[in-house]
Amino acid sequence: MVKQNPTVQEFNEITATGKTLVDFWASWCGPCRAQAPIAEELARTTDVKLVKIDVDVDDVLPADFQVSSIPTLVLFEDGVIINKFIGLTPLEELKAAFKID
């Protein structure tokens, strides 16, 4: 499941249960474009939901999570933040953070 720029209510509903990767990005950001297929592969091949927040479109959620550099990835499990990565992050590192083999 991939959701682009959800409302705050949708965001809270999506992240409340299960594993969710939130990708804060922008179209002009080279590392963000490199991160996108990695995040999408994680969502496609596991039970992790992917939420993509374009920081040029949404300024509320990036401010809520104090995003000052992109890409920033915030990992949720059952509504709780379990990890945060800043910069290009490999698939293996994301799987390890979610405890996925």
PDB file of N, CA and C in Angstrom:
ATOM      1  N   MET A   1       0.838  -1.174   0.000  1.00  0.00           N
ATOM      2  CA  MET A   1       0.000   0.000   0.000  1.00  0.00           C
ATOM      3  C   MET A   1       0.885   1.240   0.000  1.00  0.00           C
ATOM      4  N   VAL A   2       0.614   2.141  -0.934  1.00  0.00           N
ATOM      5  CA  VAL A   2       1.341   3.404  -1.022  1.00  0.00           C
ATOM      6  C   VAL A   2       0.323   4.536  -1.004  1.00  0.00           C
ATOM      7  N   LYS A   3       0.529   5.494  -0.121  1.00  0.00           N
ATOM      8  CA  LYS A   3      -0.361   6.660  -0.026  1.00  0.00           C
ATOM      9  C   LYS A   3       0.478   7.919  -0.186  1.00  0.00           C
ATOM     10  N   GLN A   4       0.063   8.785  -1.124  1.00  0.00           N
ATOM     11  CA  GLN A   4       0.749  10.047  -1.381  1.00  0.00           C
ATOM     12  C   GLN A   4       0.042  11.188  -0.652  1.00  0.00           C
ATOM     13  N   ASN A   5       0.786  11.993   0.073  1.00  0.00           N
ATOM     14  CA  ASN A   5       0.289  13.220   0.701  1.00  0.00           C
ATOM     15  C   ASN A   5      -1.082  13.074   1.374  1.00  0.00           C
ATOM     16  N   PRO A   6      -1.192  12.197   2.362  1.00  0.00           N
ATOM     17  CA  PRO A   6      -2.468  12.032   3.051  1.00  0.00           C
ATOM     18  C   PRO A   6      -2.780  13.252   3.921  1.00  0.00           C
ATOM     19  N   THR A   7      -4.045  13.392   4.265  1.00  0.00           N
ATOM     20  CA  THR A   7      -4.406  14.399   5.261  1.00  0.00           C
ATOM     21  C   THR A   7      -3.845  13.939   6.610  1.00  0.00           C
ATOM     22  N   VAL A   8      -3.851  14.810   7.583  1.00  0.00           N
ATOM     23  CA  VAL A   8      -3.363  14.444   8.915  1.00  0.00           C
ATOM     24  C   VAL A   8      -4.196  13.292   9.476  1.00  0.00           C
ATOM     25  N   GLN A   9      -5.514  13.340   9.269  1.00  0.00           N
ATOM     26  CA  GLN A   9      -6.381  12.268   9.754  1.00  0.00           C
ATOM     27  C   GLN A   9      -6.044  10.942   9.075  1.00  0.00           C
ATOM     28  N   GLU A  10      -5.889  10.951   7.758  1.00  0.00           N
ATOM     29  CA  GLU A  10      -5.521   9.732   7.029  1.00  0.00           C
ATOM     30  C   GLU A  10      -4.165   9.217   7.503  1.00  0.00           C
ATOM     31  N   PHE A  11      -3.214  10.133   7.684  1.00  0.00           N
ATOM     32  CA  PHE A  11      -1.884   9.768   8.167  1.00  0.00           C
ATOM     33  C   PHE A  11      -1.981   9.043   9.508  1.00  0.00           C
ATOM     34  N   ASN A  12      -2.740   9.603  10.432  1.00  0.00           N
ATOM     35  CA  ASN A  12      -2.890   8.993  11.760  1.00  0.00           C
ATOM     36  C   ASN A  12      -3.550   7.623  11.681  1.00  0.00           C
ATOM     37  N   GLU A  13      -4.520   7.463  10.796  1.00  0.00           N
ATOM     38  CA  GLU A  13      -5.187   6.169  10.629  1.00  0.00           C
ATOM     39  C   GLU A  13      -4.229   5.132  10.044  1.00  0.00           C
ATOM     40  N   ILE A  14      -3.450   5.528   9.031  1.00  0.00           N
ATOM     41  CA  ILE A  14      -2.530   4.596   8.371  1.00  0.00           C
ATOM     42  C   ILE A  14      -1.440   4.140   9.331  1.00  0.00           C
ATOM     43  N   THR A  15      -0.863   5.075  10.077  1.00  0.00           N
ATOM     44  CA  THR A  15       0.274   4.745  10.943  1.00  0.00           C
ATOM     45  C   THR A  15      -0.136   4.093  12.258  1.00  0.00           C
ATOM     46  N   ALA A  16      -1.422   4.074  12.568  1.00  0.00           N
ATOM     47  CA  ALA A  16      -1.889   3.564  13.868  1.00  0.00           C
ATOM     48  C   ALA A  16      -1.679   2.059  14.040  1.00  0.00           C
ATOM     49  N   THR A  17      -1.713   1.308  12.962  1.00  0.00           N
ATOM     50  CA  THR A  17      -1.576  -0.142  13.073  1.00  0.00           C
ATOM     51  C   THR A  17      -0.556  -0.659  12.069  1.00  0.00           C
ATOM     52  N   GLY A  18       0.112  -1.715  12.448  1.00  0.00           N
ATOM     53  CA  GLY A  18       1.075  -2.347  11.557  1.00  0.00           C
ATOM     54  C   GLY A  18       2.345  -1.533  11.392  1.00  0.00           C
ATOM     55  N   LYS A  19       3.093  -1.884  10.353  1.00  0.00           N
ATOM     56  CA  LYS A  19       4.376  -1.239  10.059  1.00  0.00           C
ATOM     57  C   LYS A  19       4.175  -0.230   8.939  1.00  0.00           C
ATOM     58  N   THR A  20       4.690   0.975   9.152  1.00  0.00           N
ATOM     59  CA  THR A  20       4.551   2.031   8.157  1.00  0.00           C
ATOM     60  C   THR A  20       5.876   2.757   8.000  1.00  0.00           C
ATOM     61  N   LEU A  21       6.275   2.964   6.754  1.00  0.00           N
ATOM     62  CA  LEU A  21       7.441   3.770   6.416  1.00  0.00           C
ATOM     63  C   LEU A  21       6.932   5.088   5.853  1.00  0.00           C
ATOM     64  N   VAL A  22       7.317   6.197   6.482  1.00  0.00           N
ATOM     65  CA  VAL A  22       6.936   7.521   6.005  1.00  0.00           C
ATOM     66  C   VAL A  22       8.163   8.148   5.355  1.00  0.00           C
ATOM     67  N   ASP A  23       8.020   8.485   4.085  1.00  0.00           N
ATOM     68  CA  ASP A  23       9.114   9.034   3.276  1.00  0.00           C
ATOM     69  C   ASP A  23       8.831  10.509   3.011  1.00  0.00           C
ATOM     70  N   PHE A  24       9.627  11.402   3.642  1.00  0.00           N
ATOM     71  CA  PHE A  24       9.547  12.837   3.388  1.00  0.00           C
ATOM     72  C   PHE A  24      10.525  13.140   2.261  1.00  0.00           C
ATOM     73  N   TRP A  25      10.044  13.731   1.163  1.00  0.00           N
ATOM     74  CA  TRP A  25      10.829  13.869  -0.047  1.00  0.00           C
ATOM     75  C   TRP A  25      10.408  15.125  -0.813  1.00  0.00           C
ATOM     76  N   ALA A  26      11.113  15.408  -1.914  1.00  0.00           N
ATOM     77  CA  ALA A  26      10.741  16.446  -2.871  1.00  0.00           C
ATOM     78  C   ALA A  26      11.229  16.018  -4.258  1.00  0.00           C
ATOM     79  N   SER A  27      10.526  16.455  -5.277  1.00  0.00           N
ATOM     80  CA  SER A  27      10.850  16.018  -6.638  1.00  0.00           C
ATOM     81  C   SER A  27      12.208  16.512  -7.113  1.00  0.00           C
ATOM     82  N   TRP A  28      12.692  17.621  -6.603  1.00  0.00           N
ATOM     83  CA  TRP A  28      13.971  18.192  -7.026  1.00  0.00           C
ATOM     84  C   TRP A  28      15.166  17.567  -6.311  1.00  0.00           C
ATOM     85  N   CYS A  29      14.927  16.692  -5.357  1.00  0.00           N
ATOM     86  CA  CYS A  29      15.971  16.109  -4.496  1.00  0.00           C
ATOM     87  C   CYS A  29      16.495  14.803  -5.109  1.00  0.00           C
ATOM     88  N   GLY A  30      17.764  14.817  -5.549  1.00  0.00           N
ATOM     89  CA  GLY A  30      18.368  13.627  -6.153  1.00  0.00           C
ATOM     90  C   GLY A  30      18.368  12.414  -5.239  1.00  0.00           C
ATOM     91  N   PRO A  31      18.835  12.535  -3.980  1.00  0.00           N
ATOM     92  CA  PRO A  31      18.800  11.385  -3.082  1.00  0.00           C
ATOM     93  C   PRO A  31      17.372  10.877  -2.827  1.00  0.00           C
ATOM     94  N   CYS A  32      16.398  11.780  -2.857  1.00  0.00           N
ATOM     95  CA  CYS A  32      14.996  11.366  -2.683  1.00  0.00           C
ATOM     96  C   CYS A  32      14.548  10.490  -3.855  1.00  0.00           C
ATOM     97  N   ARG A  33      14.964  10.878  -5.061  1.00  0.00           N
ATOM     98  CA  ARG A  33      14.607  10.077  -6.246  1.00  0.00           C
ATOM     99  C   ARG A  33      15.277   8.705  -6.192  1.00  0.00           C
ATOM    100  N   ALA A  34      16.478   8.639  -5.611  1.00  0.00           N
ATOM    101  CA  ALA A  34      17.158   7.348  -5.446  1.00  0.00           C
ATOM    102  C   ALA A  34      16.497   6.520  -4.347  1.00  0.00           C
ATOM    103  N   GLN A  35      15.939   7.176  -3.321  1.00  0.00           N
ATOM    104  CA  GLN A  35      15.301   6.477  -2.202  1.00  0.00           C
ATOM    105  C   GLN A  35      13.958   5.891  -2.611  1.00  0.00           C
ATOM    106  N   ALA A  36      13.263   6.545  -3.518  1.00  0.00           N
ATOM    107  CA  ALA A  36      11.897   6.142  -3.883  1.00  0.00           C
ATOM    108  C   ALA A  36      11.782   4.672  -4.277  1.00  0.00           C
ATOM    109  N   PRO A  37      12.600   4.148  -5.211  1.00  0.00           N
ATOM    110  CA  PRO A  37      12.433   2.736  -5.575  1.00  0.00           C
ATOM    111  C   PRO A  37      12.758   1.781  -4.426  1.00  0.00           C
ATOM    112  N   ILE A  38      13.625   2.184  -3.523  1.00  0.00           N
ATOM    113  CA  ILE A  38      13.947   1.347  -2.358  1.00  0.00           C
ATOM    114  C   ILE A  38      12.735   1.260  -1.445  1.00  0.00           C
ATOM    115  N   ALA A  39      12.125   2.408  -1.156  1.00  0.00           N
ATOM    116  CA  ALA A  39      10.932   2.431  -0.303  1.00  0.00           C
ATOM    117  C   ALA A  39       9.779   1.675  -0.950  1.00  0.00           C
ATOM    118  N   GLU A  40       9.624   1.860  -2.261  1.00  0.00           N
ATOM    119  CA  GLU A  40       8.541   1.178  -2.969  1.00  0.00           C
ATOM    120  C   GLU A  40       8.749  -0.331  -3.001  1.00  0.00           C
ATOM    121  N   GLU A  41       9.998  -0.778  -3.126  1.00  0.00           N
ATOM    122  CA  GLU A  41      10.268  -2.216  -3.089  1.00  0.00           C
ATOM    123  C   GLU A  41       9.934  -2.793  -1.715  1.00  0.00           C
ATOM    124  N   LEU A  42      10.275  -2.079  -0.658  1.00  0.00           N
ATOM    125  CA  LEU A  42       9.943  -2.533   0.693  1.00  0.00           C
ATOM    126  C   LEU A  42       8.434  -2.710   0.829  1.00  0.00           C
ATOM    127  N   ALA A  43       7.669  -1.729   0.349  1.00  0.00           N
ATOM    128  CA  ALA A  43       6.207  -1.804   0.446  1.00  0.00           C
ATOM    129  C   ALA A  43       5.644  -2.924  -0.429  1.00  0.00           C
ATOM    130  N   ARG A  44       6.251  -3.135  -1.589  1.00  0.00           N
ATOM    131  CA  ARG A  44       5.757  -4.150  -2.534  1.00  0.00           C
ATOM    132  C   ARG A  44       6.046  -5.575  -2.065  1.00  0.00           C
ATOM    133  N   THR A  45       7.159  -5.771  -1.353  1.00  0.00           N
ATOM    134  CA  THR A  45       7.601  -7.130  -1.027  1.00  0.00           C
ATOM    135  C   THR A  45       7.407  -7.523   0.433  1.00  0.00           C
ATOM    136  N   THR A  46       6.867  -6.613   1.239  1.00  0.00           N
ATOM    137  CA  THR A  46       6.640  -6.900   2.664  1.00  0.00           C
ATOM    138  C   THR A  46       5.264  -6.381   3.068  1.00  0.00           C
ATOM    139  N   ASP A  47       4.975  -6.468   4.358  1.00  0.00           N
ATOM    140  CA  ASP A  47       3.700  -5.943   4.864  1.00  0.00           C
ATOM    141  C   ASP A  47       3.808  -4.489   5.327  1.00  0.00           C
ATOM    142  N   VAL A  48       4.889  -3.814   4.969  1.00  0.00           N
ATOM    143  CA  VAL A  48       5.091  -2.423   5.356  1.00  0.00           C
ATOM    144  C   VAL A  48       4.287  -1.508   4.435  1.00  0.00           C
ATOM    145  N   LYS A  49       3.512  -0.603   5.049  1.00  0.00           N
ATOM    146  CA  LYS A  49       2.774   0.412   4.288  1.00  0.00           C
ATOM    147  C   LYS A  49       3.729   1.580   4.028  1.00  0.00           C
ATOM    148  N   LEU A  50       3.565   2.240   2.904  1.00  0.00           N
ATOM    149  CA  LEU A  50       4.411   3.369   2.539  1.00  0.00           C
ATOM    150  C   LEU A  50       3.559   4.622   2.416  1.00  0.00           C
ATOM    151  N   VAL A  51       3.984   5.663   3.121  1.00  0.00           N
ATOM    152  CA  VAL A  51       3.352   6.976   3.022  1.00  0.00           C
ATOM    153  C   VAL A  51       4.416   7.936   2.516  1.00  0.00           C
ATOM    154  N   LYS A  52       4.113   8.617   1.408  1.00  0.00           N
ATOM    155  CA  LYS A  52       5.060   9.558   0.816  1.00  0.00           C
ATOM    156  C   LYS A  52       4.529  10.981   1.033  1.00  0.00           C
ATOM    157  N   ILE A  53       5.363  11.816   1.667  1.00  0.00           N
ATOM    158  CA  ILE A  53       4.989  13.194   1.950  1.00  0.00           C
ATOM    159  C   ILE A  53       5.915  14.115   1.165  1.00  0.00           C
ATOM    160  N   ASP A  54       5.372  14.800   0.162  1.00  0.00           N
ATOM    161  CA  ASP A  54       6.136  15.778  -0.610  1.00  0.00           C
ATOM    162  C   ASP A  54       6.217  17.055   0.223  1.00  0.00           C
ATOM    163  N   VAL A  55       7.419  17.414   0.663  1.00  0.00           N
ATOM    164  CA  VAL A  55       7.591  18.560   1.559  1.00  0.00           C
ATOM    165  C   VAL A  55       7.267  19.886   0.874  1.00  0.00           C
ATOM    166  N   ASP A  56       7.199  19.892  -0.455  1.00  0.00           N
ATOM    167  CA  ASP A  56       6.810  21.099  -1.177  1.00  0.00           C
ATOM    168  C   ASP A  56       5.295  21.250  -1.263  1.00  0.00           C
ATOM    169  N   VAL A  57       4.562  20.190  -0.959  1.00  0.00           N
ATOM    170  CA  VAL A  57       3.101  20.200  -1.012  1.00  0.00           C
ATOM    171  C   VAL A  57       2.500  20.289   0.390  1.00  0.00           C
ATOM    172  N   ASP A  58       3.082  19.579   1.330  1.00  0.00           N
ATOM    173  CA  ASP A  58       2.576  19.507   2.708  1.00  0.00           C
ATOM    174  C   ASP A  58       3.619  20.101   3.651  1.00  0.00           C
ATOM    175  N   ASP A  59       3.247  21.156   4.360  1.00  0.00           N
ATOM    176  CA  ASP A  59       4.192  21.721   5.319  1.00  0.00           C
ATOM    177  C   ASP A  59       3.813  21.390   6.764  1.00  0.00           C
ATOM    178  N   VAL A  60       2.655  20.775   6.974  1.00  0.00           N
ATOM    179  CA  VAL A  60       2.208  20.455   8.328  1.00  0.00           C
ATOM    180  C   VAL A  60       2.939  19.234   8.881  1.00  0.00           C
ATOM    181  N   LEU A  61       2.853  18.106   8.175  1.00  0.00           N
ATOM    182  CA  LEU A  61       3.489  16.885   8.681  1.00  0.00           C
ATOM    183  C   LEU A  61       5.011  17.010   8.770  1.00  0.00           C
ATOM    184  N   PRO A  62       5.693  17.603   7.792  1.00  0.00           N
ATOM    185  CA  PRO A  62       7.140  17.780   7.959  1.00  0.00           C
ATOM    186  C   PRO A  62       7.479  18.614   9.201  1.00  0.00           C
ATOM    187  N   ALA A  63       6.699  19.631   9.476  1.00  0.00           N
ATOM    188  CA  ALA A  63       6.933  20.443  10.679  1.00  0.00           C
ATOM    189  C   ALA A  63       6.672  19.624  11.939  1.00  0.00           C
ATOM    190  N   ASP A  64       5.619  18.821  11.924  1.00  0.00           N
ATOM    191  CA  ASP A  64       5.296  17.976  13.087  1.00  0.00           C
ATOM    192  C   ASP A  64       6.446  17.031  13.429  1.00  0.00           C
ATOM    193  N   PHE A  65       7.149  16.553  12.415  1.00  0.00           N
ATOM    194  CA  PHE A  65       8.240  15.596  12.620  1.00  0.00           C
ATOM    195  C   PHE A  65       9.620  16.244  12.528  1.00  0.00           C
ATOM    196  N   GLN A  66       9.647  17.574  12.544  1.00  0.00           N
ATOM    197  CA  GLN A  66      10.888  18.347  12.550  1.00  0.00           C
ATOM    198  C   GLN A  66      11.830  17.913  11.423  1.00  0.00           C
ATOM    199  N   VAL A  67      11.273  17.776  10.232  1.00  0.00           N
ATOM    200  CA  VAL A  67      12.061  17.391   9.067  1.00  0.00           C
ATOM    201  C   VAL A  67      12.805  18.630   8.570  1.00  0.00           C
ATOM    202  N   SER A  68      14.121  18.574   8.624  1.00  0.00           N
ATOM    203  CA  SER A  68      14.934  19.703   8.168  1.00  0.00           C
ATOM    204  C   SER A  68      15.853  19.311   7.016  1.00  0.00           C
ATOM    205  N   SER A  69      15.896  18.019   6.687  1.00  0.00           N
ATOM    206  CA  SER A  69      16.724  17.511   5.603  1.00  0.00           C
ATOM    207  C   SER A  69      15.973  16.352   4.957  1.00  0.00           C
ATOM    208  N   ILE A  70      16.118  16.238   3.643  1.00  0.00           N
ATOM    209  CA  ILE A  70      15.441  15.144   2.947  1.00  0.00           C
ATOM    210  C   ILE A  70      16.442  14.375   2.102  1.00  0.00           C
ATOM    211  N   PRO A  71      16.195  13.093   1.867  1.00  0.00           N
ATOM    212  CA  PRO A  71      15.049  12.346   2.372  1.00  0.00           C
ATOM    213  C   PRO A  71      15.165  12.066   3.870  1.00  0.00           C
ATOM    214  N   THR A  72      14.027  12.113   4.524  1.00  0.00           N
ATOM    215  CA  THR A  72      13.906  11.670   5.905  1.00  0.00           C
ATOM    216  C   THR A  72      12.880  10.555   5.919  1.00  0.00           C
ATOM    217  N   LEU A  73      13.239   9.444   6.547  1.00  0.00           N
ATOM    218  CA  LEU A  73      12.343   8.292   6.667  1.00  0.00           C
ATOM    219  C   LEU A  73      12.008   8.101   8.135  1.00  0.00           C
ATOM    220  N   VAL A  74      10.711   8.005   8.434  1.00  0.00           N
ATOM    221  CA  VAL A  74      10.257   7.756   9.803  1.00  0.00           C
ATOM    222  C   VAL A  74       9.534   6.420   9.790  1.00  0.00           C
ATOM    223  N   LEU A  75       9.968   5.518  10.668  1.00  0.00           N
ATOM    224  CA  LEU A  75       9.406   4.174  10.730  1.00  0.00           C
ATOM    225  C   LEU A  75       8.476   4.064  11.922  1.00  0.00           C
ATOM    226  N   PHE A  76       7.263   3.606  11.655  1.00  0.00           N
ATOM    227  CA  PHE A  76       6.247   3.414  12.688  1.00  0.00           C
ATOM    228  C   PHE A  76       5.914   1.943  12.814  1.00  0.00           C
ATOM    229  N   GLU A  77       5.624   1.520  14.029  1.00  0.00           N
ATOM    230  CA  GLU A  77       5.040   0.208  14.265  1.00  0.00           C
ATOM    231  C   GLU A  77       3.929   0.388  15.280  1.00  0.00           C
ATOM    232  N   ASP A  78       2.705   0.090  14.843  1.00  0.00           N
ATOM    233  CA  ASP A  78       1.507   0.246  15.675  1.00  0.00           C
ATOM    234  C   ASP A  78       1.424   1.626  16.308  1.00  0.00           C
ATOM    235  N   GLY A  79       1.668   2.662  15.492  1.00  0.00           N
ATOM    236  CA  GLY A  79       1.508   4.042  15.927  1.00  0.00           C
ATOM    237  C   GLY A  79       2.675   4.642  16.678  1.00  0.00           C
ATOM    238  N   VAL A  80       3.730   3.856  16.886  1.00  0.00           N
ATOM    239  CA  VAL A  80       4.894   4.317  17.649  1.00  0.00           C
ATOM    240  C   VAL A  80       6.084   4.447  16.701  1.00  0.00           C
ATOM    241  N   ILE A  81       6.803   5.559  16.802  1.00  0.00           N
ATOM    242  CA  ILE A  81       8.015   5.726  16.006  1.00  0.00           C
ATOM    243  C   ILE A  81       9.082   4.787  16.547  1.00  0.00           C
ATOM    244  N   ILE A  82       9.616   3.932  15.660  1.00  0.00           N
ATOM    245  CA  ILE A  82      10.657   2.991  16.094  1.00  0.00           C
ATOM    246  C   ILE A  82      12.038   3.376  15.578  1.00  0.00           C
ATOM    247  N   ASN A  83      12.073   4.257  14.557  1.00  0.00           N
ATOM    248  CA  ASN A  83      13.369   4.675  14.042  1.00  0.00           C
ATOM    249  C   ASN A  83      13.166   5.844  13.088  1.00  0.00           C
ATOM    250  N   LYS A  84      14.259   6.563  12.832  1.00  0.00           N
ATOM    251  CA  LYS A  84      14.241   7.685  11.893  1.00  0.00           C
ATOM    252  C   LYS A  84      15.584   7.704  11.175  1.00  0.00           C
ATOM    253  N   PHE A  85      15.547   7.815   9.858  1.00  0.00           N
ATOM    254  CA  PHE A  85      16.759   7.868   9.052  1.00  0.00           C
ATOM    255  C   PHE A  85      16.763   9.158   8.250  1.00  0.00           C
ATOM    256  N   ILE A  86      17.911   9.791   8.171  1.00  0.00           N
ATOM    257  CA  ILE A  86      18.077  10.988   7.349  1.00  0.00           C
ATOM    258  C   ILE A  86      19.114  10.665   6.286  1.00  0.00           C
ATOM    259  N   GLY A  87      18.741  10.898   5.024  1.00  0.00           N
ATOM    260  CA  GLY A  87      19.626  10.574   3.910  1.00  0.00           C
ATOM    261  C   GLY A  87      19.246   9.255   3.275  1.00  0.00           C
ATOM    262  N   LEU A  88      19.895   8.955   2.176  1.00  0.00           N
ATOM    263  CA  LEU A  88      19.632   7.729   1.428  1.00  0.00           C
ATOM    264  C   LEU A  88      19.910   6.505   2.298  1.00  0.00           C
ATOM    265  N   THR A  89      18.904   5.648   2.449  1.00  0.00           N
ATOM    266  CA  THR A  89      19.000   4.492   3.335  1.00  0.00           C
ATOM    267  C   THR A  89      18.770   3.210   2.537  1.00  0.00           C
ATOM    268  N   PRO A  90      19.705   2.251   2.623  1.00  0.00           N
ATOM    269  CA  PRO A  90      19.568   1.001   1.869  1.00  0.00           C
ATOM    270  C   PRO A  90      18.395   0.145   2.355  1.00  0.00           C
ATOM    271  N   LEU A  91      17.888  -0.676   1.464  1.00  0.00           N
ATOM    272  CA  LEU A  91      16.782  -1.583   1.764  1.00  0.00           C
ATOM    273  C   LEU A  91      17.101  -2.481   2.955  1.00  0.00           C
ATOM    274  N   GLU A  92      18.306  -3.021   2.997  1.00  0.00           N
ATOM    275  CA  GLU A  92      18.685  -3.936   4.076  1.00  0.00           C
ATOM    276  C   GLU A  92      18.601  -3.255   5.446  1.00  0.00           C
ATOM    277  N   GLU A  93      18.970  -1.978   5.494  1.00  0.00           N
ATOM    278  CA  GLU A  93      18.922  -1.236   6.753  1.00  0.00           C
ATOM    279  C   GLU A  93      17.475  -1.001   7.193  1.00  0.00           C
ATOM    280  N   LEU A  94      16.598  -0.737   6.240  1.00  0.00           N
ATOM    281  CA  LEU A  94      15.181  -0.559   6.555  1.00  0.00           C
ATOM    282  C   LEU A  94      14.567  -1.868   7.044  1.00  0.00           C
ATOM    283  N   LYS A  95      14.891  -2.961   6.360  1.00  0.00           N
ATOM    284  CA  LYS A  95      14.385  -4.275   6.788  1.00  0.00           C
ATOM    285  C   LYS A  95      14.874  -4.612   8.197  1.00  0.00           C
ATOM    286  N   ALA A  96      16.129  -4.330   8.478  1.00  0.00           N
ATOM    287  CA  ALA A  96      16.684  -4.612   9.805  1.00  0.00           C
ATOM    288  C   ALA A  96      15.960  -3.791  10.870  1.00  0.00           C
ATOM    289  N   ALA A  97      15.671  -2.539  10.563  1.00  0.00           N
ATOM    290  CA  ALA A  97      14.975  -1.682  11.532  1.00  0.00           C
ATOM    291  C   ALA A  97      13.569  -2.195  11.820  1.00  0.00           C
ATOM    292  N   PHE A  98      12.913  -2.743  10.789  1.00  0.00           N
ATOM    293  CA  PHE A  98      11.574  -3.316  10.959  1.00  0.00           C
ATOM    294  C   PHE A  98      11.614  -4.784  11.406  1.00  0.00           C
ATOM    295  N   LYS A  99      12.833  -5.325  11.568  1.00  0.00           N
ATOM    296  CA  LYS A  99      13.021  -6.729  11.940  1.00  0.00           C
ATOM    297  C   LYS A  99      12.379  -7.658  10.910  1.00  0.00           C
ATOM    298  N   ILE A 100      12.674  -7.394   9.641  1.00  0.00           N
ATOM    299  CA  ILE A 100      12.194  -8.204   8.525  1.00  0.00           C
ATOM    300  C   ILE A 100      13.392  -8.951   7.961  1.00  0.00           C
ATOM    301  N   ASP A 101      13.247 -10.257   7.775  1.00  0.00           N
ATOM    302  CA  ASP A 101      14.342 -11.066   7.217  1.00  0.00           C
ATOM    303  C   ASP A 101      14.445 -10.892   5.729  1.00  0.00           C
TER     304      ASP A 101
END
